[in-house]
Amino acid sequence: MSNTGDQEFLTYLVKALVDHPDDVKVDRKVDEMGVLLTLRVNQADMGQVVGRQGSTAKAIRSLLRIVGIKNNARVNLKIEEPEGSERSPRPTSERGITDKVIDDIKDL
């Protein structure tokens, strides 16, 4: 694989998963920390890329780690949320104690 093999691999993999493969964009940056791949997909495809409880994203990251090991590089993946998408807030029962404390402080 060439030095952009990780980028090519991610592009191929994600395009096979999504309904809008033409909207898949992968940027690659290299620094002292390793390789950072930034993934952008169509808003409608975010669920397919992330998966239930992040399982698909975790699997993609595991595969990229293996590709990185074969090329003596540390490969990280950042999945960017499409513009215009809003994450719904987590229900209070799922929020951590830190979130609750911050909300209490804001109410003071």
PDB file of N, CA and C in Angstrom:
ATOM      1  N   MET A   1       0.835  -1.194   0.000  1.00  0.00           N
ATOM      2  CA  MET A   1       0.000   0.000   0.000  1.00  0.00           C
ATOM      3  C   MET A   1       0.871   1.245   0.000  1.00  0.00           C
ATOM      4  N   SER A   2       0.437   2.255  -0.703  1.00  0.00           N
ATOM      5  CA  SER A   2       1.182   3.508  -0.724  1.00  0.00           C
ATOM      6  C   SER A   2       0.964   4.252   0.584  1.00  0.00           C
ATOM      7  N   ASN A   3       1.600   5.426   0.707  1.00  0.00           N
ATOM      8  CA  ASN A   3       1.459   6.180   1.947  1.00  0.00           C
ATOM      9  C   ASN A   3       0.046   6.715   2.130  1.00  0.00           C
ATOM     10  N   THR A   4      -0.780   6.716   1.094  1.00  0.00           N
ATOM     11  CA  THR A   4      -2.185   7.109   1.243  1.00  0.00           C
ATOM     12  C   THR A   4      -3.091   5.885   1.193  1.00  0.00           C
ATOM     13  N   GLY A   5      -2.522   4.725   1.388  1.00  0.00           N
ATOM     14  CA  GLY A   5      -3.314   3.490   1.371  1.00  0.00           C
ATOM     15  C   GLY A   5      -4.397   3.485   2.427  1.00  0.00           C
ATOM     16  N   ASP A   6      -4.115   4.090   3.581  1.00  0.00           N
ATOM     17  CA  ASP A   6      -5.115   4.154   4.636  1.00  0.00           C
ATOM     18  C   ASP A   6      -6.305   5.002   4.192  1.00  0.00           C
ATOM     19  N   GLN A   7      -6.036   6.089   3.496  1.00  0.00           N
ATOM     20  CA  GLN A   7      -7.100   6.960   2.997  1.00  0.00           C
ATOM     21  C   GLN A   7      -7.919   6.240   1.926  1.00  0.00           C
ATOM     22  N   GLU A   8      -7.248   5.550   1.026  1.00  0.00           N
ATOM     23  CA  GLU A   8      -7.931   4.797  -0.018  1.00  0.00           C
ATOM     24  C   GLU A   8      -8.782   3.682   0.586  1.00  0.00           C
ATOM     25  N   PHE A   9      -8.229   2.998   1.594  1.00  0.00           N
ATOM     26  CA  PHE A   9      -8.960   1.922   2.256  1.00  0.00           C
ATOM     27  C   PHE A   9     -10.232   2.442   2.916  1.00  0.00           C
ATOM     28  N   LEU A  10     -10.117   3.554   3.647  1.00  0.00           N
ATOM     29  CA  LEU A  10     -11.284   4.122   4.323  1.00  0.00           C
ATOM     30  C   LEU A  10     -12.333   4.557   3.315  1.00  0.00           C
ATOM     31  N   THR A  11     -11.905   5.204   2.249  1.00  0.00           N
ATOM     32  CA  THR A  11     -12.846   5.650   1.222  1.00  0.00           C
ATOM     33  C   THR A  11     -13.591   4.463   0.630  1.00  0.00           C
ATOM     34  N   TYR A  12     -12.867   3.420   0.269  1.00  0.00           N
ATOM     35  CA  TYR A  12     -13.480   2.220  -0.307  1.00  0.00           C
ATOM     36  C   TYR A  12     -14.473   1.589   0.665  1.00  0.00           C
ATOM     37  N   LEU A  13     -14.071   1.463   1.920  1.00  0.00           N
ATOM     38  CA  LEU A  13     -14.904   0.822   2.936  1.00  0.00           C
ATOM     39  C   LEU A  13     -16.195   1.593   3.179  1.00  0.00           C
ATOM     40  N   VAL A  14     -16.081   2.902   3.363  1.00  0.00           N
ATOM     41  CA  VAL A  14     -17.259   3.708   3.680  1.00  0.00           C
ATOM     42  C   VAL A  14     -18.191   3.807   2.479  1.00  0.00           C
ATOM     43  N   LYS A  15     -17.639   3.936   1.286  1.00  0.00           N
ATOM     44  CA  LYS A  15     -18.494   4.000   0.094  1.00  0.00           C
ATOM     45  C   LYS A  15     -19.324   2.727  -0.071  1.00  0.00           C
ATOM     46  N   ALA A  16     -18.789   1.598   0.384  1.00  0.00           N
ATOM     47  CA  ALA A  16     -19.531   0.343   0.314  1.00  0.00           C
ATOM     48  C   ALA A  16     -20.662   0.284   1.339  1.00  0.00           C
ATOM     49  N   LEU A  17     -20.569   1.091   2.400  1.00  0.00           N
ATOM     50  CA  LEU A  17     -21.574   1.066   3.469  1.00  0.00           C
ATOM     51  C   LEU A  17     -22.746   2.017   3.250  1.00  0.00           C
ATOM     52  N   VAL A  18     -22.510   3.147   2.600  1.00  0.00           N
ATOM     53  CA  VAL A  18     -23.483   4.238   2.574  1.00  0.00           C
ATOM     54  C   VAL A  18     -24.375   4.203   1.334  1.00  0.00           C
ATOM     55  N   ASP A  19     -25.468   4.976   1.400  1.00  0.00           N
ATOM     56  CA  ASP A  19     -26.394   5.092   0.276  1.00  0.00           C
ATOM     57  C   ASP A  19     -25.987   6.193  -0.704  1.00  0.00           C
ATOM     58  N   HIS A  20     -25.147   7.117  -0.264  1.00  0.00           N
ATOM     59  CA  HIS A  20     -24.707   8.243  -1.094  1.00  0.00           C
ATOM     60  C   HIS A  20     -23.178   8.224  -1.203  1.00  0.00           C
ATOM     61  N   PRO A  21     -22.611   7.275  -1.949  1.00  0.00           N
ATOM     62  CA  PRO A  21     -21.147   7.145  -2.001  1.00  0.00           C
ATOM     63  C   PRO A  21     -20.441   8.349  -2.620  1.00  0.00           C
ATOM     64  N   ASP A  22     -21.129   9.116  -3.453  1.00  0.00           N
ATOM     65  CA  ASP A  22     -20.493  10.286  -4.065  1.00  0.00           C
ATOM     66  C   ASP A  22     -20.241  11.398  -3.051  1.00  0.00           C
ATOM     67  N   ASP A  23     -20.926  11.353  -1.913  1.00  0.00           N
ATOM     68  CA  ASP A  23     -20.769  12.381  -0.881  1.00  0.00           C
ATOM     69  C   ASP A  23     -19.662  12.062   0.127  1.00  0.00           C
ATOM     70  N   VAL A  24     -19.021  10.909  -0.011  1.00  0.00           N
ATOM     71  CA  VAL A  24     -17.968  10.510   0.925  1.00  0.00           C
ATOM     72  C   VAL A  24     -16.691  11.291   0.610  1.00  0.00           C
ATOM     73  N   LYS A  25     -16.159  11.961   1.636  1.00  0.00           N
ATOM     74  CA  LYS A  25     -14.926  12.730   1.505  1.00  0.00           C
ATOM     75  C   LYS A  25     -13.995  12.337   2.659  1.00  0.00           C
ATOM     76  N   VAL A  26     -12.753  12.057   2.329  1.00  0.00           N
ATOM     77  CA  VAL A  26     -11.763  11.706   3.349  1.00  0.00           C
ATOM     78  C   VAL A  26     -10.551  12.607   3.174  1.00  0.00           C
ATOM     79  N   ASP A  27     -10.214  13.344   4.241  1.00  0.00           N
ATOM     80  CA  ASP A  27      -9.021  14.184   4.253  1.00  0.00           C
ATOM     81  C   ASP A  27      -7.967  13.496   5.113  1.00  0.00           C
ATOM     82  N   ARG A  28      -6.706  13.669   4.736  1.00  0.00           N
ATOM     83  CA  ARG A  28      -5.605  13.015   5.451  1.00  0.00           C
ATOM     84  C   ARG A  28      -4.583  14.064   5.869  1.00  0.00           C
ATOM     85  N   LYS A  29      -4.236  14.044   7.154  1.00  0.00           N
ATOM     86  CA  LYS A  29      -3.194  14.939   7.680  1.00  0.00           C
ATOM     87  C   LYS A  29      -2.197  14.095   8.461  1.00  0.00           C
ATOM     88  N   VAL A  30      -0.932  14.434   8.300  1.00  0.00           N
ATOM     89  CA  VAL A  30       0.129  13.724   9.015  1.00  0.00           C
ATOM     90  C   VAL A  30       0.854  14.725   9.895  1.00  0.00           C
ATOM     91  N   ASP A  31       1.071  14.358  11.172  1.00  0.00           N
ATOM     92  CA  ASP A  31       1.867  15.179  12.080  1.00  0.00           C
ATOM     93  C   ASP A  31       2.647  14.260  13.004  1.00  0.00           C
ATOM     94  N   GLU A  32       3.237  14.824  14.055  1.00  0.00           N
ATOM     95  CA  GLU A  32       4.052  14.017  14.960  1.00  0.00           C
ATOM     96  C   GLU A  32       3.243  12.978  15.728  1.00  0.00           C
ATOM     97  N   MET A  33       1.931  13.162  15.798  1.00  0.00           N
ATOM     98  CA  MET A  33       1.066  12.201  16.495  1.00  0.00           C
ATOM     99  C   MET A  33       0.674  11.023  15.596  1.00  0.00           C
ATOM    100  N   GLY A  34       0.871  11.147  14.305  1.00  0.00           N
ATOM    101  CA  GLY A  34       0.513  10.093  13.374  1.00  0.00           C
ATOM    102  C   GLY A  34      -0.357  10.627  12.255  1.00  0.00           C
ATOM    103  N   VAL A  35      -1.236   9.766  11.755  1.00  0.00           N
ATOM    104  CA  VAL A  35      -2.109  10.114  10.635  1.00  0.00           C
ATOM    105  C   VAL A  35      -3.508  10.378  11.173  1.00  0.00           C
ATOM    106  N   LEU A  36      -4.104  11.477  10.737  1.00  0.00           N
ATOM    107  CA  LEU A  36      -5.489  11.780  11.093  1.00  0.00           C
ATOM    108  C   LEU A  36      -6.320  11.762   9.826  1.00  0.00           C
ATOM    109  N   LEU A  37      -7.282  10.847   9.769  1.00  0.00           N
ATOM    110  CA  LEU A  37      -8.220  10.787   8.660  1.00  0.00           C
ATOM    111  C   LEU A  37      -9.531  11.413   9.119  1.00  0.00           C
ATOM    112  N   THR A  38     -10.005  12.388   8.356  1.00  0.00           N
ATOM    113  CA  THR A  38     -11.267  13.054   8.681  1.00  0.00           C
ATOM    114  C   THR A  38     -12.286  12.631   7.646  1.00  0.00           C
ATOM    115  N   LEU A  39     -13.393  12.062   8.126  1.00  0.00           N
ATOM    116  CA  LEU A  39     -14.429  11.507   7.254  1.00  0.00           C
ATOM    117  C   LEU A  39     -15.663  12.392   7.265  1.00  0.00           C
ATOM    118  N   ARG A  40     -16.156  12.691   6.071  1.00  0.00           N
ATOM    119  CA  ARG A  40     -17.417  13.420   5.920  1.00  0.00           C
ATOM    120  C   ARG A  40     -18.324  12.603   5.025  1.00  0.00           C
ATOM    121  N   VAL A  41     -19.580  12.435   5.460  1.00  0.00           N
ATOM    122  CA  VAL A  41     -20.568  11.707   4.667  1.00  0.00           C
ATOM    123  C   VAL A  41     -21.864  12.509   4.613  1.00  0.00           C
ATOM    124  N   ASN A  42     -22.763  12.083   3.765  1.00  0.00           N
ATOM    125  CA  ASN A  42     -24.080  12.693   3.677  1.00  0.00           C
ATOM    126  C   ASN A  42     -24.779  12.540   5.023  1.00  0.00           C
ATOM    127  N   GLN A  43     -25.559  13.545   5.387  1.00  0.00           N
ATOM    128  CA  GLN A  43     -26.257  13.527   6.676  1.00  0.00           C
ATOM    129  C   GLN A  43     -27.126  12.275   6.823  1.00  0.00           C
ATOM    130  N   ALA A  44     -27.737  11.833   5.751  1.00  0.00           N
ATOM    131  CA  ALA A  44     -28.611  10.652   5.806  1.00  0.00           C
ATOM    132  C   ALA A  44     -27.831   9.368   6.063  1.00  0.00           C
ATOM    133  N   ASP A  45     -26.521   9.383   5.819  1.00  0.00           N
ATOM    134  CA  ASP A  45     -25.701   8.183   5.978  1.00  0.00           C
ATOM    135  C   ASP A  45     -24.992   8.088   7.326  1.00  0.00           C
ATOM    136  N   MET A  46     -25.132   9.089   8.180  1.00  0.00           N
ATOM    137  CA  MET A  46     -24.412   9.091   9.456  1.00  0.00           C
ATOM    138  C   MET A  46     -24.731   7.859  10.299  1.00  0.00           C
ATOM    139  N   GLY A  47     -25.981   7.465  10.338  1.00  0.00           N
ATOM    140  CA  GLY A  47     -26.374   6.295  11.121  1.00  0.00           C
ATOM    141  C   GLY A  47     -25.694   5.030  10.647  1.00  0.00           C
ATOM    142  N   GLN A  48     -25.515   4.901   9.341  1.00  0.00           N
ATOM    143  CA  GLN A  48     -24.869   3.714   8.791  1.00  0.00           C
ATOM    144  C   GLN A  48     -23.378   3.695   9.111  1.00  0.00           C
ATOM    145  N   VAL A  49     -22.758   4.855   9.168  1.00  0.00           N
ATOM    146  CA  VAL A  49     -21.324   4.931   9.441  1.00  0.00           C
ATOM    147  C   VAL A  49     -21.043   4.739  10.928  1.00  0.00           C
ATOM    148  N   VAL A  50     -21.880   5.323  11.771  1.00  0.00           N
ATOM    149  CA  VAL A  50     -21.657   5.228  13.218  1.00  0.00           C
ATOM    150  C   VAL A  50     -22.149   3.891  13.749  1.00  0.00           C
ATOM    151  N   GLY A  51     -23.318   3.455  13.323  1.00  0.00           N
ATOM    152  CA  GLY A  51     -23.861   2.178  13.785  1.00  0.00           C
ATOM    153  C   GLY A  51     -24.506   2.294  15.143  1.00  0.00           C
ATOM    154  N   ARG A  52     -25.149   1.234  15.538  1.00  0.00           N
ATOM    155  CA  ARG A  52     -25.828   1.202  16.824  1.00  0.00           C
ATOM    156  C   ARG A  52     -24.810   1.259  17.945  1.00  0.00           C
ATOM    157  N   GLN A  53     -24.931   2.257  18.798  1.00  0.00           N
ATOM    158  CA  GLN A  53     -24.021   2.504  19.919  1.00  0.00           C
ATOM    159  C   GLN A  53     -22.571   2.623  19.466  1.00  0.00           C
ATOM    160  N   GLY A  54     -22.386   3.103  18.223  1.00  0.00           N
ATOM    161  CA  GLY A  54     -21.046   3.331  17.711  1.00  0.00           C
ATOM    162  C   GLY A  54     -20.301   2.088  17.275  1.00  0.00           C
ATOM    163  N   SER A  55     -21.000   0.973  17.131  1.00  0.00           N
ATOM    164  CA  SER A  55     -20.321  -0.285  16.824  1.00  0.00           C
ATOM    165  C   SER A  55     -19.636  -0.277  15.459  1.00  0.00           C
ATOM    166  N   THR A  56     -20.262   0.308  14.445  1.00  0.00           N
ATOM    167  CA  THR A  56     -19.639   0.346  13.121  1.00  0.00           C
ATOM    168  C   THR A  56     -18.416   1.248  13.133  1.00  0.00           C
ATOM    169  N   ALA A  57     -18.516   2.403  13.769  1.00  0.00           N
ATOM    170  CA  ALA A  57     -17.374   3.320  13.863  1.00  0.00           C
ATOM    171  C   ALA A  57     -16.212   2.654  14.599  1.00  0.00           C
ATOM    172  N   LYS A  58     -16.500   1.917  15.656  1.00  0.00           N
ATOM    173  CA  LYS A  58     -15.443   1.217  16.395  1.00  0.00           C
ATOM    174  C   LYS A  58     -14.772   0.176  15.510  1.00  0.00           C
ATOM    175  N   ALA A  59     -15.562  -0.545  14.708  1.00  0.00           N
ATOM    176  CA  ALA A  59     -15.004  -1.559  13.816  1.00  0.00           C
ATOM    177  C   ALA A  59     -14.129  -0.919  12.746  1.00  0.00           C
ATOM    178  N   ILE A  60     -14.569   0.206  12.198  1.00  0.00           N
ATOM    179  CA  ILE A  60     -13.773   0.916  11.192  1.00  0.00           C
ATOM    180  C   ILE A  60     -12.456   1.377  11.807  1.00  0.00           C
ATOM    181  N   ARG A  61     -12.511   1.904  13.019  1.00  0.00           N
ATOM    182  CA  ARG A  61     -11.286   2.356  13.693  1.00  0.00           C
ATOM    183  C   ARG A  61     -10.331   1.182  13.950  1.00  0.00           C
ATOM    184  N   SER A  62     -10.877   0.029  14.306  1.00  0.00           N
ATOM    185  CA  SER A  62     -10.038  -1.158  14.525  1.00  0.00           C
ATOM    186  C   SER A  62      -9.338  -1.573  13.240  1.00  0.00           C
ATOM    187  N   LEU A  63     -10.060  -1.566  12.135  1.00  0.00           N
ATOM    188  CA  LEU A  63      -9.456  -1.912  10.849  1.00  0.00           C
ATOM    189  C   LEU A  63      -8.373  -0.907  10.460  1.00  0.00           C
ATOM    190  N   LEU A  64      -8.633   0.378  10.698  1.00  0.00           N
ATOM    191  CA  LEU A  64      -7.634   1.400  10.384  1.00  0.00           C
ATOM    192  C   LEU A  64      -6.389   1.238  11.251  1.00  0.00           C
ATOM    193  N   ARG A  65      -6.569   0.813  12.493  1.00  0.00           N
ATOM    194  CA  ARG A  65      -5.428   0.572  13.369  1.00  0.00           C
ATOM    195  C   ARG A  65      -4.542  -0.529  12.778  1.00  0.00           C
ATOM    196  N   ILE A  66      -5.183  -1.571  12.241  1.00  0.00           N
ATOM    197  CA  ILE A  66      -4.440  -2.679  11.630  1.00  0.00           C
ATOM    198  C   ILE A  66      -3.689  -2.196  10.392  1.00  0.00           C
ATOM    199  N   VAL A  67      -4.362  -1.399   9.558  1.00  0.00           N
ATOM    200  CA  VAL A  67      -3.701  -0.832   8.379  1.00  0.00           C
ATOM    201  C   VAL A  67      -2.506   0.008   8.814  1.00  0.00           C
ATOM    202  N   GLY A  68      -2.669   0.781   9.866  1.00  0.00           N
ATOM    203  CA  GLY A  68      -1.578   1.604  10.375  1.00  0.00           C
ATOM    204  C   GLY A  68      -0.413   0.772  10.871  1.00  0.00           C
ATOM    205  N   ILE A  69      -0.695  -0.295  11.581  1.00  0.00           N
ATOM    206  CA  ILE A  69       0.362  -1.164  12.097  1.00  0.00           C
ATOM    207  C   ILE A  69       1.173  -1.751  10.946  1.00  0.00           C
ATOM    208  N   LYS A  70       0.490  -2.147   9.886  1.00  0.00           N
ATOM    209  CA  LYS A  70       1.192  -2.713   8.724  1.00  0.00           C
ATOM    210  C   LYS A  70       2.095  -1.681   8.055  1.00  0.00           C
ATOM    211  N   ASN A  71       1.775  -0.399   8.219  1.00  0.00           N
ATOM    212  CA  ASN A  71       2.559   0.669   7.599  1.00  0.00           C
ATOM    213  C   ASN A  71       3.374   1.463   8.621  1.00  0.00           C
ATOM    214  N   ASN A  72       3.526   0.922   9.837  1.00  0.00           N
ATOM    215  CA  ASN A  72       4.285   1.580  10.905  1.00  0.00           C
ATOM    216  C   ASN A  72       3.810   3.005  11.160  1.00  0.00           C
ATOM    217  N   ALA A  73       2.491   3.184  11.254  1.00  0.00           N
ATOM    218  CA  ALA A  73       1.922   4.505  11.510  1.00  0.00           C
ATOM    219  C   ALA A  73       0.745   4.368  12.462  1.00  0.00           C
ATOM    220  N   ARG A  74       0.494   5.410  13.197  1.00  0.00           N
ATOM    221  CA  ARG A  74      -0.676   5.456  14.061  1.00  0.00           C
ATOM    222  C   ARG A  74      -1.767   6.194  13.296  1.00  0.00           C
ATOM    223  N   VAL A  75      -2.882   5.503  13.043  1.00  0.00           N
ATOM    224  CA  VAL A  75      -3.962   6.076  12.239  1.00  0.00           C
ATOM    225  C   VAL A  75      -5.168   6.336  13.134  1.00  0.00           C
ATOM    226  N   ASN A  76      -5.641   7.584  13.131  1.00  0.00           N
ATOM    227  CA  ASN A  76      -6.821   7.977  13.898  1.00  0.00           C
ATOM    228  C   ASN A  76      -7.914   8.419  12.940  1.00  0.00           C
ATOM    229  N   LEU A  77      -9.151   8.225  13.350  1.00  0.00           N
ATOM    230  CA  LEU A  77     -10.298   8.596  12.526  1.00  0.00           C
ATOM    231  C   LEU A  77     -11.170   9.600  13.254  1.00  0.00           C
ATOM    232  N   LYS A  78     -11.497  10.674  12.552  1.00  0.00           N
ATOM    233  CA  LYS A  78     -12.441  11.661  13.063  1.00  0.00           C
ATOM    234  C   LYS A  78     -13.624  11.678  12.103  1.00  0.00           C
ATOM    235  N   ILE A  79     -14.811  11.460  12.634  1.00  0.00           N
ATOM    236  CA  ILE A  79     -16.025  11.497  11.826  1.00  0.00           C
ATOM    237  C   ILE A  79     -16.706  12.826  12.088  1.00  0.00           C
ATOM    238  N   GLU A  80     -16.773  13.663  11.064  1.00  0.00           N
ATOM    239  CA  GLU A  80     -17.375  14.984  11.229  1.00  0.00           C
ATOM    240  C   GLU A  80     -18.875  14.898  11.000  1.00  0.00           C
ATOM    241  N   GLU A  81     -19.603  15.619  11.849  1.00  0.00           N
ATOM    242  CA  GLU A  81     -21.042  15.692  11.668  1.00  0.00           C
ATOM    243  C   GLU A  81     -21.345  16.611  10.496  1.00  0.00           C
ATOM    244  N   PRO A  82     -22.277  16.224   9.635  1.00  0.00           N
ATOM    245  CA  PRO A  82     -22.625  17.084   8.503  1.00  0.00           C
ATOM    246  C   PRO A  82     -23.228  18.397   8.978  1.00  0.00           C
ATOM    247  N   GLU A  83     -23.018  19.457   8.188  1.00  0.00           N
ATOM    248  CA  GLU A  83     -23.591  20.751   8.539  1.00  0.00           C
ATOM    249  C   GLU A  83     -25.106  20.649   8.551  1.00  0.00           C
ATOM    250  N   GLY A  84     -25.708  21.360   9.497  1.00  0.00           N
ATOM    251  CA  GLY A  84     -27.166  21.358   9.588  1.00  0.00           C
ATOM    252  C   GLY A  84     -27.730  20.231  10.421  1.00  0.00           C
ATOM    253  N   SER A  85     -26.878  19.287  10.837  1.00  0.00           N
ATOM    254  CA  SER A  85     -27.388  18.206  11.677  1.00  0.00           C
ATOM    255  C   SER A  85     -27.298  18.645  13.127  1.00  0.00           C
ATOM    256  N   GLU A  86     -28.307  18.302  13.875  1.00  0.00           N
ATOM    257  CA  GLU A  86     -28.307  18.628  15.298  1.00  0.00           C
ATOM    258  C   GLU A  86     -28.424  17.345  16.078  1.00  0.00           C
ATOM    259  N   ARG A  87     -27.539  17.205  17.033  1.00  0.00           N
ATOM    260  CA  ARG A  87     -27.613  16.039  17.906  1.00  0.00           C
ATOM    261  C   ARG A  87     -28.664  16.318  18.956  1.00  0.00           C
ATOM    262  N   SER A  88     -29.506  15.358  19.176  1.00  0.00           N
ATOM    263  CA  SER A  88     -30.507  15.537  20.219  1.00  0.00           C
ATOM    264  C   SER A  88     -29.840  15.326  21.570  1.00  0.00           C
ATOM    265  N   PRO A  89     -30.230  16.112  22.565  1.00  0.00           N
ATOM    266  CA  PRO A  89     -29.617  15.939  23.877  1.00  0.00           C
ATOM    267  C   PRO A  89     -29.973  14.579  24.471  1.00  0.00           C
ATOM    268  N   ARG A  90     -29.043  14.048  25.232  1.00  0.00           N
ATOM    269  CA  ARG A  90     -29.293  12.757  25.871  1.00  0.00           C
ATOM    270  C   ARG A  90     -30.354  12.916  26.949  1.00  0.00           C
ATOM    271  N   PRO A  91     -31.182  11.899  27.132  1.00  0.00           N
ATOM    272  CA  PRO A  91     -32.144  11.966  28.234  1.00  0.00           C
ATOM    273  C   PRO A  91     -31.405  12.068  29.563  1.00  0.00           C
ATOM    274  N   THR A  92     -32.036  12.708  30.536  1.00  0.00           N
ATOM    275  CA  THR A  92     -31.404  12.943  31.833  1.00  0.00           C
ATOM    276  C   THR A  92     -30.931  11.640  32.470  1.00  0.00           C
ATOM    277  N   SER A  93     -31.670  10.549  32.304  1.00  0.00           N
ATOM    278  CA  SER A  93     -31.303   9.285  32.932  1.00  0.00           C
ATOM    279  C   SER A  93     -29.989   8.738  32.380  1.00  0.00           C
ATOM    280  N   GLU A  94     -29.609   9.113  31.146  1.00  0.00           N
ATOM    281  CA  GLU A  94     -28.381   8.615  30.553  1.00  0.00           C
ATOM    282  C   GLU A  94     -27.216   9.571  30.755  1.00  0.00           C
ATOM    283  N   ARG A  95     -27.468  10.743  31.264  1.00  0.00           N
ATOM    284  CA  ARG A  95     -26.416  11.725  31.417  1.00  0.00           C
ATOM    285  C   ARG A  95     -25.585  11.423  32.650  1.00  0.00           C
ATOM    286  N   GLY A  96     -24.329  11.794  32.575  1.00  0.00           N
ATOM    287  CA  GLY A  96     -23.419  11.540  33.679  1.00  0.00           C
ATOM    288  C   GLY A  96     -23.593  12.551  34.794  1.00  0.00           C
ATOM    289  N   ILE A  97     -23.013  12.264  35.928  1.00  0.00           N
ATOM    290  CA  ILE A  97     -23.097  13.130  37.091  1.00  0.00           C
ATOM    291  C   ILE A  97     -22.479  14.496  36.795  1.00  0.00           C
ATOM    292  N   THR A  98     -21.430  14.533  35.975  1.00  0.00           N
ATOM    293  CA  THR A  98     -20.789  15.803  35.636  1.00  0.00           C
ATOM    294  C   THR A  98     -21.761  16.720  34.908  1.00  0.00           C
ATOM    295  N   ASP A  99     -22.516  16.155  33.955  1.00  0.00           N
ATOM    296  CA  ASP A  99     -23.502  16.950  33.221  1.00  0.00           C
ATOM    297  C   ASP A  99     -24.556  17.526  34.160  1.00  0.00           C
ATOM    298  N   LYS A 100     -24.988  16.739  35.126  1.00  0.00           N
ATOM    299  CA  LYS A 100     -25.999  17.203  36.074  1.00  0.00           C
ATOM    300  C   LYS A 100     -25.459  18.340  36.946  1.00  0.00           C
ATOM    301  N   VAL A 101     -24.203  18.208  37.387  1.00  0.00           N
ATOM    302  CA  VAL A 101     -23.600  19.235  38.221  1.00  0.00           C
ATOM    303  C   VAL A 101     -23.459  20.537  37.429  1.00  0.00           C
ATOM    304  N   ILE A 102     -23.035  20.428  36.180  1.00  0.00           N
ATOM    305  CA  ILE A 102     -22.886  21.621  35.340  1.00  0.00           C
ATOM    306  C   ILE A 102     -24.222  22.293  35.139  1.00  0.00           C
ATOM    307  N   ASP A 103     -25.272  21.523  34.915  1.00  0.00           N
ATOM    308  CA  ASP A 103     -26.611  22.103  34.774  1.00  0.00           C
ATOM    309  C   ASP A 103     -27.035  22.815  36.046  1.00  0.00           C
ATOM    310  N   ASP A 104     -26.731  22.217  37.203  1.00  0.00           N
ATOM    311  CA  ASP A 104     -27.080  22.849  38.479  1.00  0.00           C
ATOM    312  C   ASP A 104     -26.344  24.171  38.658  1.00  0.00           C
ATOM    313  N   ILE A 105     -25.072  24.209  38.261  1.00  0.00           N
ATOM    314  CA  ILE A 105     -24.291  25.443  38.381  1.00  0.00           C
ATOM    315  C   ILE A 105     -24.846  26.520  37.455  1.00  0.00           C
ATOM    316  N   LYS A 106     -25.258  26.138  36.262  1.00  0.00           N
ATOM    317  CA  LYS A 106     -25.820  27.099  35.318  1.00  0.00           C
ATOM    318  C   LYS A 106     -27.109  27.717  35.862  1.00  0.00           C
ATOM    319  N   ASP A 107     -27.863  26.941  36.650  1.00  0.00           N
ATOM    320  CA  ASP A 107     -29.136  27.428  37.175  1.00  0.00           C
ATOM    321  C   ASP A 107     -28.953  28.399  38.341  1.00  0.00           C
ATOM    322  N   LEU A 108     -27.748  28.487  38.900  1.00  0.00           N
ATOM    323  CA  LEU A 108     -27.515  29.389  40.044  1.00  0.00           C
ATOM    324  C   LEU A 108     -27.583  30.826  39.686  1.00  0.00           C
TER     325      LEU A 108
END
